[in-house]
Amino acid sequence: MPHIETPEGMRIRYEERGTGRPLVLAHGFGVSLEMWMPQVLALSERNRLITWDARGHGGSSAPGHREAYSMEVLAQDLRALLEQLGAVDGAVIGGMSFGGQIALQYAVDYPADTYALVLSDSTTRGSEPPRDSREAAAAWGVTGDPGLEGCLHAMASRADLTSVLPSLPMPALVLYGQHDEMIERGVHRVVDGLPRRRVTVLADCFHGTSGQRPRAWNDAVLRFLDDIEAGASLGETEFV
């Protein structure tokens, strides 16, 4: 599978399929771009679908010190990938959970180059103090894995972007599961904060909606993309 090298020498593995507007998806914590297999055929029919491995995951580089990991750095990796692929302009940036955090950071850092945002099963950190990443590594059972420990550090130490959400100009789709206890206390921050958003709640789903109900997830994303291309209004919440 192909890869690019960032200016600082990080290898980033990616896959792309289809033509049209770039649609970029970042995977969740502890998995890889293969998690998007249920989405590839449907989403690449009308879009240039780009999936990629964040540093510390899959076939991408995994630096051995946790200071090499932050949401800002992960967003910079994505930027380097899109620049080398010629896919910066007009890109739809999305991600699931950990990947949604990267996508949101990218939208904050590069708002003019984010045509739309797709946030699945993800929320901001909120005002609670960050959790110690070493404790989180032990809880996840990844102690000794530099890549996963580093990404846990990135999640634990990330800035709370809640206050920035109202300033984001791009349309956004927020998807989450009806029974997702991992984000249920914080997803309202994203829903209430984004000024141009549609909310899709997937019935009978927990964390990881794109894998549990892929057809409904794909349909929601494609409807959203069609509607924003047509200039349709957003703001509603739909249960599917």
C-alpha atoms as a PDB file:
ATOM      1  CA  MET A   1       0.000   0.000   0.000  1.00  0.00           C
ATOM      2  CA  PRO A   2       1.355   3.470  -0.825  1.00  0.00           C
ATOM      3  CA  HIS A   3       2.718   5.969   1.655  1.00  0.00           C
ATOM      4  CA  ILE A   4       4.076   9.508   1.782  1.00  0.00           C
ATOM      5  CA  GLU A   5       6.863  10.955   3.899  1.00  0.00           C
ATOM      6  CA  THR A   6       6.196  14.114   5.866  1.00  0.00           C
ATOM      7  CA  PRO A   7       8.742  16.965   6.018  1.00  0.00           C
ATOM      8  CA  GLU A   8       9.921  15.633   9.375  1.00  0.00           C
ATOM      9  CA  GLY A   9      10.427  12.146   8.008  1.00  0.00           C
ATOM     10  CA  MET A  10       7.268  10.384   9.188  1.00  0.00           C
ATOM     11  CA  ARG A  11       5.924   7.621   6.956  1.00  0.00           C
ATOM     12  CA  ILE A  12       2.132   7.900   6.519  1.00  0.00           C
ATOM     13  CA  ARG A  13       0.359   4.975   4.863  1.00  0.00           C
ATOM     14  CA  TYR A  14      -2.784   5.730   2.898  1.00  0.00           C
ATOM     15  CA  GLU A  15      -5.230   4.339   0.372  1.00  0.00           C
ATOM     16  CA  GLU A  16      -7.364   6.168  -2.152  1.00  0.00           C
ATOM     17  CA  ARG A  17     -10.114   5.182  -4.514  1.00  0.00           C
ATOM     18  CA  GLY A  18     -12.532   7.033  -6.757  1.00  0.00           C
ATOM     19  CA  THR A  19     -12.613  10.508  -8.262  1.00  0.00           C
ATOM     20  CA  GLY A  20     -14.264  13.798  -7.449  1.00  0.00           C
ATOM     21  CA  ARG A  21     -14.197  15.865  -4.303  1.00  0.00           C
ATOM     22  CA  PRO A  22     -11.680  14.505  -1.735  1.00  0.00           C
ATOM     23  CA  LEU A  23     -13.363  12.786   1.205  1.00  0.00           C
ATOM     24  CA  VAL A  24     -10.804  11.989   3.890  1.00  0.00           C
ATOM     25  CA  LEU A  25     -11.505   9.627   6.800  1.00  0.00           C
ATOM     26  CA  ALA A  26      -9.343   9.140   9.898  1.00  0.00           C
ATOM     27  CA  HIS A  27      -9.706   5.876  11.829  1.00  0.00           C
ATOM     28  CA  GLY A  28     -10.357   5.282  15.514  1.00  0.00           C
ATOM     29  CA  PHE A  29      -7.826   4.519  18.231  1.00  0.00           C
ATOM     30  CA  GLY A  30      -6.017   1.187  18.032  1.00  0.00           C
ATOM     31  CA  VAL A  31      -7.163   0.241  14.537  1.00  0.00           C
ATOM     32  CA  SER A  32      -6.112   1.319  11.034  1.00  0.00           C
ATOM     33  CA  LEU A  33      -7.462   2.493   7.706  1.00  0.00           C
ATOM     34  CA  GLU A  34      -8.883  -1.005   7.182  1.00  0.00           C
ATOM     35  CA  MET A  35     -11.706  -0.091   9.576  1.00  0.00           C
ATOM     36  CA  TRP A  36     -13.246   1.844   6.679  1.00  0.00           C
ATOM     37  CA  MET A  37     -13.652  -1.208   4.424  1.00  0.00           C
ATOM     38  CA  PRO A  38     -17.479  -1.156   4.845  1.00  0.00           C
ATOM     39  CA  GLN A  39     -17.445   2.434   3.532  1.00  0.00           C
ATOM     40  CA  VAL A  40     -15.069   2.148   0.568  1.00  0.00           C
ATOM     41  CA  LEU A  41     -17.405   1.048  -2.219  1.00  0.00           C
ATOM     42  CA  ALA A  42     -20.298   3.321  -1.333  1.00  0.00           C
ATOM     43  CA  LEU A  43     -18.287   6.461  -0.628  1.00  0.00           C
ATOM     44  CA  SER A  44     -15.845   6.166  -3.527  1.00  0.00           C
ATOM     45  CA  GLU A  45     -18.534   6.047  -6.205  1.00  0.00           C
ATOM     46  CA  ARG A  46     -18.846   9.843  -6.294  1.00  0.00           C
ATOM     47  CA  ASN A  47     -15.850  10.993  -4.260  1.00  0.00           C
ATOM     48  CA  ARG A  48     -12.106  10.627  -4.114  1.00  0.00           C
ATOM     49  CA  LEU A  49     -12.028   8.627  -0.886  1.00  0.00           C
ATOM     50  CA  ILE A  50      -8.757   8.863   1.040  1.00  0.00           C
ATOM     51  CA  THR A  51      -8.148   6.791   4.165  1.00  0.00           C
ATOM     52  CA  TRP A  52      -4.903   6.819   6.110  1.00  0.00           C
ATOM     53  CA  ASP A  53      -3.047   5.458   9.133  1.00  0.00           C
ATOM     54  CA  ALA A  54      -2.305   8.029  11.827  1.00  0.00           C
ATOM     55  CA  ARG A  55       1.229   7.947  13.202  1.00  0.00           C
ATOM     56  CA  GLY A  56       1.512   5.203  15.791  1.00  0.00           C
ATOM     57  CA  HIS A  57      -0.953   2.999  13.906  1.00  0.00           C
ATOM     58  CA  GLY A  58      -0.962   0.477  11.069  1.00  0.00           C
ATOM     59  CA  GLY A  59       1.762   0.995   8.503  1.00  0.00           C
ATOM     60  CA  SER A  60       2.659   4.542   9.529  1.00  0.00           C
ATOM     61  CA  SER A  61       5.672   5.578  11.584  1.00  0.00           C
ATOM     62  CA  ALA A  62       5.534   5.172  15.358  1.00  0.00           C
ATOM     63  CA  PRO A  63       8.052   7.459  17.081  1.00  0.00           C
ATOM     64  CA  GLY A  64       9.337   6.098  20.386  1.00  0.00           C
ATOM     65  CA  HIS A  65       8.753   9.161  22.590  1.00  0.00           C
ATOM     66  CA  ARG A  66       5.321  10.416  23.503  1.00  0.00           C
ATOM     67  CA  GLU A  67       6.268  14.074  22.953  1.00  0.00           C
ATOM     68  CA  ALA A  68       6.123  13.267  19.232  1.00  0.00           C
ATOM     69  CA  TYR A  69       2.337  12.901  19.534  1.00  0.00           C
ATOM     70  CA  SER A  70      -0.249  15.649  19.789  1.00  0.00           C
ATOM     71  CA  MET A  71      -3.459  16.513  17.984  1.00  0.00           C
ATOM     72  CA  GLU A  72      -1.719  19.422  16.291  1.00  0.00           C
ATOM     73  CA  VAL A  73       1.034  17.112  15.003  1.00  0.00           C
ATOM     74  CA  LEU A  74      -1.482  14.536  13.818  1.00  0.00           C
ATOM     75  CA  ALA A  75      -3.354  17.267  11.930  1.00  0.00           C
ATOM     76  CA  GLN A  76      -0.038  18.350  10.402  1.00  0.00           C
ATOM     77  CA  ASP A  77       0.540  14.770   9.226  1.00  0.00           C
ATOM     78  CA  LEU A  78      -2.842  14.858   7.521  1.00  0.00           C
ATOM     79  CA  ARG A  79      -1.992  18.191   5.942  1.00  0.00           C
ATOM     80  CA  ALA A  80       1.274  16.787   4.578  1.00  0.00           C
ATOM     81  CA  LEU A  81      -0.601  13.812   3.130  1.00  0.00           C
ATOM     82  CA  LEU A  82      -3.190  15.967   1.383  1.00  0.00           C
ATOM     83  CA  GLU A  83      -0.566  18.364   0.060  1.00  0.00           C
ATOM     84  CA  GLN A  84       1.444  15.543  -1.481  1.00  0.00           C
ATOM     85  CA  LEU A  85      -1.684  13.993  -2.976  1.00  0.00           C
ATOM     86  CA  GLY A  86      -2.893  17.305  -4.365  1.00  0.00           C
ATOM     87  CA  ALA A  87      -6.093  16.946  -2.346  1.00  0.00           C
ATOM     88  CA  VAL A  88      -6.059  20.025  -0.108  1.00  0.00           C
ATOM     89  CA  ASP A  89      -8.579  22.173  -1.961  1.00  0.00           C
ATOM     90  CA  GLY A  90     -12.208  21.521  -1.181  1.00  0.00           C
ATOM     91  CA  ALA A  91     -11.635  18.455   0.957  1.00  0.00           C
ATOM     92  CA  VAL A  92     -14.266  16.964   3.240  1.00  0.00           C
ATOM     93  CA  ILE A  93     -12.446  16.009   6.442  1.00  0.00           C
ATOM     94  CA  GLY A  94     -13.847  13.267   8.657  1.00  0.00           C
ATOM     95  CA  GLY A  95     -12.992  10.781  11.338  1.00  0.00           C
ATOM     96  CA  MET A  96     -14.276   8.410  13.976  1.00  0.00           C
ATOM     97  CA  SER A  97     -13.633   8.922  17.728  1.00  0.00           C
ATOM     98  CA  PHE A  98      -9.836   9.497  17.947  1.00  0.00           C
ATOM     99  CA  GLY A  99      -9.940  10.179  14.212  1.00  0.00           C
ATOM    100  CA  GLY A 100     -12.727  12.677  14.765  1.00  0.00           C
ATOM    101  CA  GLN A 101     -10.471  14.538  17.175  1.00  0.00           C
ATOM    102  CA  ILE A 102      -7.832  14.745  14.436  1.00  0.00           C
ATOM    103  CA  ALA A 103     -10.438  15.898  11.913  1.00  0.00           C
ATOM    104  CA  LEU A 104     -11.698  18.615  14.245  1.00  0.00           C
ATOM    105  CA  GLN A 105      -8.156  19.809  14.945  1.00  0.00           C
ATOM    106  CA  TYR A 106      -7.535  19.960  11.187  1.00  0.00           C
ATOM    107  CA  ALA A 107     -10.695  22.021  10.683  1.00  0.00           C
ATOM    108  CA  VAL A 108      -9.599  24.436  13.419  1.00  0.00           C
ATOM    109  CA  ASP A 109      -6.080  24.761  12.014  1.00  0.00           C
ATOM    110  CA  TYR A 110      -7.064  24.878   8.327  1.00  0.00           C
ATOM    111  CA  PRO A 111     -10.658  26.178   8.175  1.00  0.00           C
ATOM    112  CA  ALA A 112     -10.323  27.713   4.711  1.00  0.00           C
ATOM    113  CA  ASP A 113      -9.332  24.329   3.276  1.00  0.00           C
ATOM    114  CA  THR A 114     -12.042  22.314   5.022  1.00  0.00           C
ATOM    115  CA  TYR A 115     -15.071  22.212   2.749  1.00  0.00           C
ATOM    116  CA  ALA A 116     -17.092  20.177   5.248  1.00  0.00           C
ATOM    117  CA  LEU A 117     -16.561  18.186   8.430  1.00  0.00           C
ATOM    118  CA  VAL A 118     -17.783  14.702   9.335  1.00  0.00           C
ATOM    119  CA  LEU A 119     -17.473  13.851  13.034  1.00  0.00           C
ATOM    120  CA  SER A 120     -18.454  10.307  13.972  1.00  0.00           C
ATOM    121  CA  ASP A 121     -18.591   9.055  17.579  1.00  0.00           C
ATOM    122  CA  SER A 122     -16.428  11.957  18.733  1.00  0.00           C
ATOM    123  CA  THR A 123     -16.517  15.001  20.973  1.00  0.00           C
ATOM    124  CA  THR A 124     -14.315  17.682  22.502  1.00  0.00           C
ATOM    125  CA  ARG A 125     -12.337  17.133  25.701  1.00  0.00           C
ATOM    126  CA  GLY A 126     -14.450  19.472  27.802  1.00  0.00           C
ATOM    127  CA  SER A 127     -13.393  21.230  30.986  1.00  0.00           C
ATOM    128  CA  GLU A 128     -12.397  18.142  32.952  1.00  0.00           C
ATOM    129  CA  PRO A 129      -8.672  17.887  33.697  1.00  0.00           C
ATOM    130  CA  PRO A 130      -6.841  15.594  31.278  1.00  0.00           C
ATOM    131  CA  ARG A 131      -6.452  11.988  32.332  1.00  0.00           C
ATOM    132  CA  ASP A 132      -2.945  10.674  32.949  1.00  0.00           C
ATOM    133  CA  SER A 133      -1.998   8.938  29.706  1.00  0.00           C
ATOM    134  CA  ARG A 134       0.059   6.274  31.524  1.00  0.00           C
ATOM    135  CA  GLU A 135      -3.011   5.229  33.488  1.00  0.00           C
ATOM    136  CA  ALA A 136      -4.999   5.180  30.264  1.00  0.00           C
ATOM    137  CA  ALA A 137      -2.346   2.999  28.596  1.00  0.00           C
ATOM    138  CA  ALA A 138      -2.598   0.498  31.438  1.00  0.00           C
ATOM    139  CA  ALA A 139      -6.395   0.514  31.234  1.00  0.00           C
ATOM    140  CA  TRP A 140      -6.280  -0.072  27.478  1.00  0.00           C
ATOM    141  CA  GLY A 141      -3.612  -2.755  27.828  1.00  0.00           C
ATOM    142  CA  VAL A 142      -1.169  -0.993  25.488  1.00  0.00           C
ATOM    143  CA  THR A 143       1.670  -0.239  27.902  1.00  0.00           C
ATOM    144  CA  GLY A 144       4.937  -0.694  26.044  1.00  0.00           C
ATOM    145  CA  ASP A 145       3.487   0.137  22.619  1.00  0.00           C
ATOM    146  CA  PRO A 146       5.062   3.532  21.815  1.00  0.00           C
ATOM    147  CA  GLY A 147       2.620   4.404  19.063  1.00  0.00           C
ATOM    148  CA  LEU A 148      -0.539   3.690  21.012  1.00  0.00           C
ATOM    149  CA  GLU A 149       0.842   5.188  24.214  1.00  0.00           C
ATOM    150  CA  GLY A 150       1.780   8.285  22.240  1.00  0.00           C
ATOM    151  CA  CYS A 151      -1.692   8.618  20.744  1.00  0.00           C
ATOM    152  CA  LEU A 152      -3.269   8.195  24.169  1.00  0.00           C
ATOM    153  CA  HIS A 153      -1.025  11.035  25.297  1.00  0.00           C
ATOM    154  CA  ALA A 154      -2.247  13.107  22.338  1.00  0.00           C
ATOM    155  CA  MET A 155      -5.862  12.474  23.310  1.00  0.00           C
ATOM    156  CA  ALA A 156      -5.295  13.110  27.013  1.00  0.00           C
ATOM    157  CA  SER A 157      -3.352  16.325  26.501  1.00  0.00           C
ATOM    158  CA  ARG A 158      -5.377  17.798  23.650  1.00  0.00           C
ATOM    159  CA  ALA A 159      -6.778  21.285  24.005  1.00  0.00           C
ATOM    160  CA  ASP A 160     -10.476  21.699  24.634  1.00  0.00           C
ATOM    161  CA  LEU A 161     -11.790  23.057  21.336  1.00  0.00           C
ATOM    162  CA  THR A 162     -15.361  23.593  22.569  1.00  0.00           C
ATOM    163  CA  SER A 163     -15.058  27.386  22.610  1.00  0.00           C
ATOM    164  CA  VAL A 164     -13.733  27.419  19.031  1.00  0.00           C
ATOM    165  CA  LEU A 165     -16.643  25.486  17.511  1.00  0.00           C
ATOM    166  CA  PRO A 166     -18.959  28.492  16.963  1.00  0.00           C
ATOM    167  CA  SER A 167     -16.307  30.130  14.768  1.00  0.00           C
ATOM    168  CA  LEU A 168     -16.022  27.210  12.340  1.00  0.00           C
ATOM    169  CA  PRO A 169     -17.652  28.229   9.043  1.00  0.00           C
ATOM    170  CA  MET A 170     -17.928  24.862   7.307  1.00  0.00           C
ATOM    171  CA  PRO A 171     -21.018  22.605   7.320  1.00  0.00           C
ATOM    172  CA  ALA A 172     -20.656  19.623   9.611  1.00  0.00           C
ATOM    173  CA  LEU A 173     -22.266  16.244  10.065  1.00  0.00           C
ATOM    174  CA  VAL A 174     -22.282  14.819  13.593  1.00  0.00           C
ATOM    175  CA  LEU A 175     -23.026  11.090  13.813  1.00  0.00           C
ATOM    176  CA  TYR A 176     -23.246   9.006  16.958  1.00  0.00           C
ATOM    177  CA  GLY A 177     -24.938   5.933  18.353  1.00  0.00           C
ATOM    178  CA  GLN A 178     -28.097   6.022  20.430  1.00  0.00           C
ATOM    179  CA  HIS A 179     -26.403   4.082  23.238  1.00  0.00           C
ATOM    180  CA  ASP A 180     -22.854   5.436  23.031  1.00  0.00           C
ATOM    181  CA  GLU A 181     -21.906   5.818  26.690  1.00  0.00           C
ATOM    182  CA  MET A 182     -18.349   6.839  25.775  1.00  0.00           C
ATOM    183  CA  ILE A 183     -19.418  10.229  24.442  1.00  0.00           C
ATOM    184  CA  GLU A 184     -22.987  10.725  25.672  1.00  0.00           C
ATOM    185  CA  ARG A 185     -21.941  13.243  28.339  1.00  0.00           C
ATOM    186  CA  GLY A 186     -20.008  15.397  25.882  1.00  0.00           C
ATOM    187  CA  VAL A 187     -21.539  15.097  22.441  1.00  0.00           C
ATOM    188  CA  HIS A 188     -23.900  17.980  23.233  1.00  0.00           C
ATOM    189  CA  ARG A 189     -20.860  20.282  23.243  1.00  0.00           C
ATOM    190  CA  VAL A 190     -20.308  19.539  19.564  1.00  0.00           C
ATOM    191  CA  VAL A 191     -24.004  19.579  18.664  1.00  0.00           C
ATOM    192  CA  ASP A 192     -24.596  22.906  20.423  1.00  0.00           C
ATOM    193  CA  GLY A 193     -21.315  24.480  19.370  1.00  0.00           C
ATOM    194  CA  LEU A 194     -21.185  23.949  15.609  1.00  0.00           C
ATOM    195  CA  PRO A 195     -23.205  26.666  13.855  1.00  0.00           C
ATOM    196  CA  ARG A 196     -23.880  24.748  10.628  1.00  0.00           C
ATOM    197  CA  ARG A 197     -24.500  21.140  11.515  1.00  0.00           C
ATOM    198  CA  ARG A 198     -26.737  18.181  10.953  1.00  0.00           C
ATOM    199  CA  VAL A 199     -27.005  15.516  13.646  1.00  0.00           C
ATOM    200  CA  THR A 200     -27.633  11.881  12.777  1.00  0.00           C
ATOM    201  CA  VAL A 201     -28.341   9.495  15.659  1.00  0.00           C
ATOM    202  CA  LEU A 202     -28.089   5.832  14.696  1.00  0.00           C
ATOM    203  CA  ALA A 203     -30.598   3.696  16.560  1.00  0.00           C
ATOM    204  CA  ASP A 204     -29.440   0.650  18.518  1.00  0.00           C
ATOM    205  CA  CYS A 205     -25.744   1.567  18.088  1.00  0.00           C
ATOM    206  CA  PHE A 206     -22.959   1.987  20.588  1.00  0.00           C
ATOM    207  CA  HIS A 207     -19.464   3.398  19.946  1.00  0.00           C
ATOM    208  CA  GLY A 208     -18.339   2.620  16.401  1.00  0.00           C
ATOM    209  CA  THR A 209     -21.441   3.323  14.340  1.00  0.00           C
ATOM    210  CA  SER A 210     -19.740   3.006  10.941  1.00  0.00           C
ATOM    211  CA  GLY A 211     -19.021  -0.660  11.601  1.00  0.00           C
ATOM    212  CA  GLN A 212     -22.289  -1.566  13.325  1.00  0.00           C
ATOM    213  CA  ARG A 213     -24.665  -0.065  10.761  1.00  0.00           C
ATOM    214  CA  PRO A 214     -22.485   0.719   7.752  1.00  0.00           C
ATOM    215  CA  ARG A 215     -25.299   1.125   5.242  1.00  0.00           C
ATOM    216  CA  ALA A 216     -27.145   3.666   7.403  1.00  0.00           C
ATOM    217  CA  TRP A 217     -23.865   5.461   8.175  1.00  0.00           C
ATOM    218  CA  ASN A 218     -22.890   5.622   4.501  1.00  0.00           C
ATOM    219  CA  ASP A 219     -26.340   6.825   3.483  1.00  0.00           C
ATOM    220  CA  ALA A 220     -26.226   9.597   6.099  1.00  0.00           C
ATOM    221  CA  VAL A 221     -22.857  10.811   4.838  1.00  0.00           C
ATOM    222  CA  LEU A 222     -23.910  10.701   1.187  1.00  0.00           C
ATOM    223  CA  ARG A 223     -27.165  12.569   1.908  1.00  0.00           C
ATOM    224  CA  PHE A 224     -25.199  15.213   3.788  1.00  0.00           C
ATOM    225  CA  LEU A 225     -22.729  15.641   0.936  1.00  0.00           C
ATOM    226  CA  ASP A 226     -25.524  15.867  -1.631  1.00  0.00           C
ATOM    227  CA  ASP A 227     -27.396  18.431   0.476  1.00  0.00           C
ATOM    228  CA  ILE A 228     -24.448  20.743   1.053  1.00  0.00           C
ATOM    229  CA  GLU A 229     -23.566  20.633  -2.649  1.00  0.00           C
ATOM    230  CA  ALA A 230     -27.169  21.653  -3.356  1.00  0.00           C
ATOM    231  CA  GLY A 231     -27.091  24.420  -0.742  1.00  0.00           C
ATOM    232  CA  ALA A 232     -29.759  22.809   1.440  1.00  0.00           C
ATOM    233  CA  SER A 233     -30.267  24.106   4.955  1.00  0.00           C
ATOM    234  CA  LEU A 234     -28.931  22.151   7.939  1.00  0.00           C
ATOM    235  CA  GLY A 235     -29.682  22.243  11.652  1.00  0.00           C
ATOM    236  CA  GLU A 236     -31.961  19.246  12.031  1.00  0.00           C
ATOM    237  CA  THR A 237     -31.497  16.113  14.098  1.00  0.00           C
ATOM    238  CA  GLU A 238     -32.450  12.838  12.440  1.00  0.00           C
ATOM    239  CA  PHE A 239     -32.853   9.398  13.971  1.00  0.00           C
ATOM    240  CA  VAL A 240     -32.178   6.536  11.587  1.00  0.00           C
END
